[in-house]
């Protein structure tokens, strides 16, 4: 077993994961309420980029709060799926096969 080669491969994989995380800052996920009155854009790293609120929602604080929770949670859920899929792909693609390690990625 080539330990040095494996260590190099692990370092390379770590670098690729870091690059992917940086790239995910530029991947935008949009979500909105069913009536389109509230829109949220977040990155695949789950940082809020913008929130757009229609004027009519400003008249109903409770409805606005409900919409915020619902739409932001949906956006986070979507972004998490994108994030995990991207990072899993990098990790699986570049991981050296180490006996017993394959169980960690299931």
C-alpha atoms as a PDB file:
ATOM      1  CA  UNK A   1       0.000   0.000   0.000  1.00  0.00           C
ATOM      2  CA  UNK A   2       1.458   3.338  -1.096  1.00  0.00           C
ATOM      3  CA  UNK A   3       0.925   5.474   2.007  1.00  0.00           C
ATOM      4  CA  UNK A   4       2.608   8.598   0.610  1.00  0.00           C
ATOM      5  CA  UNK A   5       0.545   8.385  -2.559  1.00  0.00           C
ATOM      6  CA  UNK A   6      -2.619   8.022  -0.487  1.00  0.00           C
ATOM      7  CA  UNK A   7      -1.720  10.990   1.706  1.00  0.00           C
ATOM      8  CA  UNK A   8      -1.116  13.092  -1.407  1.00  0.00           C
ATOM      9  CA  UNK A   9      -4.468  11.980  -2.787  1.00  0.00           C
ATOM     10  CA  UNK A  10      -6.230  12.899   0.468  1.00  0.00           C
ATOM     11  CA  UNK A  11      -4.630  16.355   0.438  1.00  0.00           C
ATOM     12  CA  UNK A  12      -5.697  16.803  -3.194  1.00  0.00           C
ATOM     13  CA  UNK A  13      -9.249  15.780  -2.272  1.00  0.00           C
ATOM     14  CA  UNK A  14      -9.276  18.264   0.627  1.00  0.00           C
ATOM     15  CA  UNK A  15      -8.167  21.019  -1.756  1.00  0.00           C
ATOM     16  CA  UNK A  16     -10.908  20.088  -4.235  1.00  0.00           C
ATOM     17  CA  UNK A  17     -13.489  20.141  -1.431  1.00  0.00           C
ATOM     18  CA  UNK A  18     -12.328  23.631  -0.401  1.00  0.00           C
ATOM     19  CA  UNK A  19     -12.526  24.815  -4.023  1.00  0.00           C
ATOM     20  CA  UNK A  20     -16.018  23.343  -4.318  1.00  0.00           C
ATOM     21  CA  UNK A  21     -17.125  25.113  -1.119  1.00  0.00           C
ATOM     22  CA  UNK A  22     -15.871  28.432  -2.534  1.00  0.00           C
ATOM     23  CA  UNK A  23     -17.669  27.786  -5.826  1.00  0.00           C
ATOM     24  CA  UNK A  24     -20.892  27.003  -3.936  1.00  0.00           C
ATOM     25  CA  UNK A  25     -20.815  30.601  -2.664  1.00  0.00           C
ATOM     26  CA  UNK A  26     -21.561  31.625  -6.256  1.00  0.00           C
ATOM     27  CA  UNK A  27     -24.325  29.047  -6.849  1.00  0.00           C
ATOM     28  CA  UNK A  28     -27.651  30.760  -6.179  1.00  0.00           C
ATOM     29  CA  UNK A  29     -30.861  29.032  -5.123  1.00  0.00           C
ATOM     30  CA  UNK A  30     -34.161  30.881  -5.529  1.00  0.00           C
ATOM     31  CA  UNK A  31     -37.326  30.120  -3.599  1.00  0.00           C
ATOM     32  CA  UNK A  32     -40.630  31.953  -3.342  1.00  0.00           C
ATOM     33  CA  UNK A  33     -44.040  31.705  -1.728  1.00  0.00           C
ATOM     34  CA  UNK A  34     -46.707  30.046  -3.871  1.00  0.00           C
ATOM     35  CA  UNK A  35     -48.285  33.435  -4.627  1.00  0.00           C
ATOM     36  CA  UNK A  36     -44.900  35.016  -5.403  1.00  0.00           C
ATOM     37  CA  UNK A  37     -45.256  37.738  -2.751  1.00  0.00           C
ATOM     38  CA  UNK A  38     -42.041  36.761  -0.983  1.00  0.00           C
ATOM     39  CA  UNK A  39     -38.832  35.735  -2.757  1.00  0.00           C
ATOM     40  CA  UNK A  40     -35.569  34.581  -1.213  1.00  0.00           C
ATOM     41  CA  UNK A  41     -32.222  33.955  -2.889  1.00  0.00           C
ATOM     42  CA  UNK A  42     -29.487  32.111  -0.997  1.00  0.00           C
ATOM     43  CA  UNK A  43     -26.171  30.542  -1.951  1.00  0.00           C
ATOM     44  CA  UNK A  44     -25.616  26.780  -1.993  1.00  0.00           C
ATOM     45  CA  UNK A  45     -23.598  27.437   1.185  1.00  0.00           C
ATOM     46  CA  UNK A  46     -26.824  28.676   2.786  1.00  0.00           C
ATOM     47  CA  UNK A  47     -26.020  32.394   3.025  1.00  0.00           C
ATOM     48  CA  UNK A  48     -28.977  34.686   2.300  1.00  0.00           C
ATOM     49  CA  UNK A  49     -28.271  36.956  -0.678  1.00  0.00           C
ATOM     50  CA  UNK A  50     -31.604  38.732  -1.094  1.00  0.00           C
ATOM     51  CA  UNK A  51     -35.166  38.878   0.166  1.00  0.00           C
ATOM     52  CA  UNK A  52     -37.930  40.551  -1.836  1.00  0.00           C
ATOM     53  CA  UNK A  53     -41.206  41.350  -0.076  1.00  0.00           C
ATOM     54  CA  UNK A  54     -44.343  42.529  -1.906  1.00  0.00           C
ATOM     55  CA  UNK A  55     -45.923  45.670  -0.414  1.00  0.00           C
ATOM     56  CA  UNK A  56     -49.179  43.919   0.493  1.00  0.00           C
ATOM     57  CA  UNK A  57     -47.309  41.609   2.890  1.00  0.00           C
ATOM     58  CA  UNK A  58     -46.132  44.633   4.864  1.00  0.00           C
ATOM     59  CA  UNK A  59     -49.696  45.194   6.046  1.00  0.00           C
ATOM     60  CA  UNK A  60     -49.878  41.783   7.771  1.00  0.00           C
ATOM     61  CA  UNK A  61     -46.960  41.201  10.135  1.00  0.00           C
ATOM     62  CA  UNK A  62     -48.071  37.683  11.101  1.00  0.00           C
ATOM     63  CA  UNK A  63     -48.480  36.535   7.496  1.00  0.00           C
ATOM     64  CA  UNK A  64     -45.099  38.040   6.594  1.00  0.00           C
ATOM     65  CA  UNK A  65     -43.417  36.200   9.476  1.00  0.00           C
ATOM     66  CA  UNK A  66     -45.067  32.908   8.443  1.00  0.00           C
ATOM     67  CA  UNK A  67     -43.982  33.427   4.830  1.00  0.00           C
ATOM     68  CA  UNK A  68     -40.403  34.235   5.886  1.00  0.00           C
ATOM     69  CA  UNK A  69     -40.082  31.045   7.930  1.00  0.00           C
ATOM     70  CA  UNK A  70     -41.644  28.868   5.241  1.00  0.00           C
ATOM     71  CA  UNK A  71     -39.762  30.280   2.246  1.00  0.00           C
ATOM     72  CA  UNK A  72     -36.374  30.554   3.972  1.00  0.00           C
ATOM     73  CA  UNK A  73     -36.640  26.961   5.246  1.00  0.00           C
ATOM     74  CA  UNK A  74     -37.536  25.720   1.754  1.00  0.00           C
ATOM     75  CA  UNK A  75     -34.580  27.635   0.291  1.00  0.00           C
ATOM     76  CA  UNK A  76     -32.210  26.192   2.929  1.00  0.00           C
ATOM     77  CA  UNK A  77     -33.482  22.687   2.186  1.00  0.00           C
ATOM     78  CA  UNK A  78     -32.881  23.131  -1.565  1.00  0.00           C
ATOM     79  CA  UNK A  79     -29.442  24.678  -1.014  1.00  0.00           C
ATOM     80  CA  UNK A  80     -28.448  21.865   1.368  1.00  0.00           C
ATOM     81  CA  UNK A  81     -29.293  19.252  -1.282  1.00  0.00           C
ATOM     82  CA  UNK A  82     -27.158  21.075  -3.865  1.00  0.00           C
ATOM     83  CA  UNK A  83     -24.324  21.514  -1.351  1.00  0.00           C
ATOM     84  CA  UNK A  84     -24.307  17.867  -0.248  1.00  0.00           C
ATOM     85  CA  UNK A  85     -24.571  16.518  -3.793  1.00  0.00           C
ATOM     86  CA  UNK A  86     -21.608  18.629  -4.941  1.00  0.00           C
ATOM     87  CA  UNK A  87     -19.391  17.777  -1.954  1.00  0.00           C
ATOM     88  CA  UNK A  88     -20.316  14.068  -2.092  1.00  0.00           C
ATOM     89  CA  UNK A  89     -19.401  13.964  -5.774  1.00  0.00           C
ATOM     90  CA  UNK A  90     -15.956  15.462  -5.068  1.00  0.00           C
ATOM     91  CA  UNK A  91     -15.302  13.197  -2.079  1.00  0.00           C
ATOM     92  CA  UNK A  92     -16.384  10.000  -3.849  1.00  0.00           C
ATOM     93  CA  UNK A  93     -14.605  10.826  -7.093  1.00  0.00           C
ATOM     94  CA  UNK A  94     -11.225  11.421  -5.506  1.00  0.00           C
ATOM     95  CA  UNK A  95     -11.131   9.251  -2.419  1.00  0.00           C
ATOM     96  CA  UNK A  96      -8.523   6.511  -2.606  1.00  0.00           C
ATOM     97  CA  UNK A  97     -10.017   3.141  -1.820  1.00  0.00           C
ATOM     98  CA  UNK A  98      -8.908   2.387   1.722  1.00  0.00           C
ATOM     99  CA  UNK A  99     -10.278  -0.880   3.112  1.00  0.00           C
ATOM    100  CA  UNK A 100     -13.142  -0.125   5.506  1.00  0.00           C
ATOM    101  CA  UNK A 101     -13.355   3.566   4.528  1.00  0.00           C
ATOM    102  CA  UNK A 102     -16.170   3.076   2.023  1.00  0.00           C
ATOM    103  CA  UNK A 103     -18.618   2.714   4.939  1.00  0.00           C
ATOM    104  CA  UNK A 104     -18.014   6.341   5.924  1.00  0.00           C
ATOM    105  CA  UNK A 105     -19.677   7.665   2.773  1.00  0.00           C
ATOM    106  CA  UNK A 106     -22.937   5.748   3.040  1.00  0.00           C
END
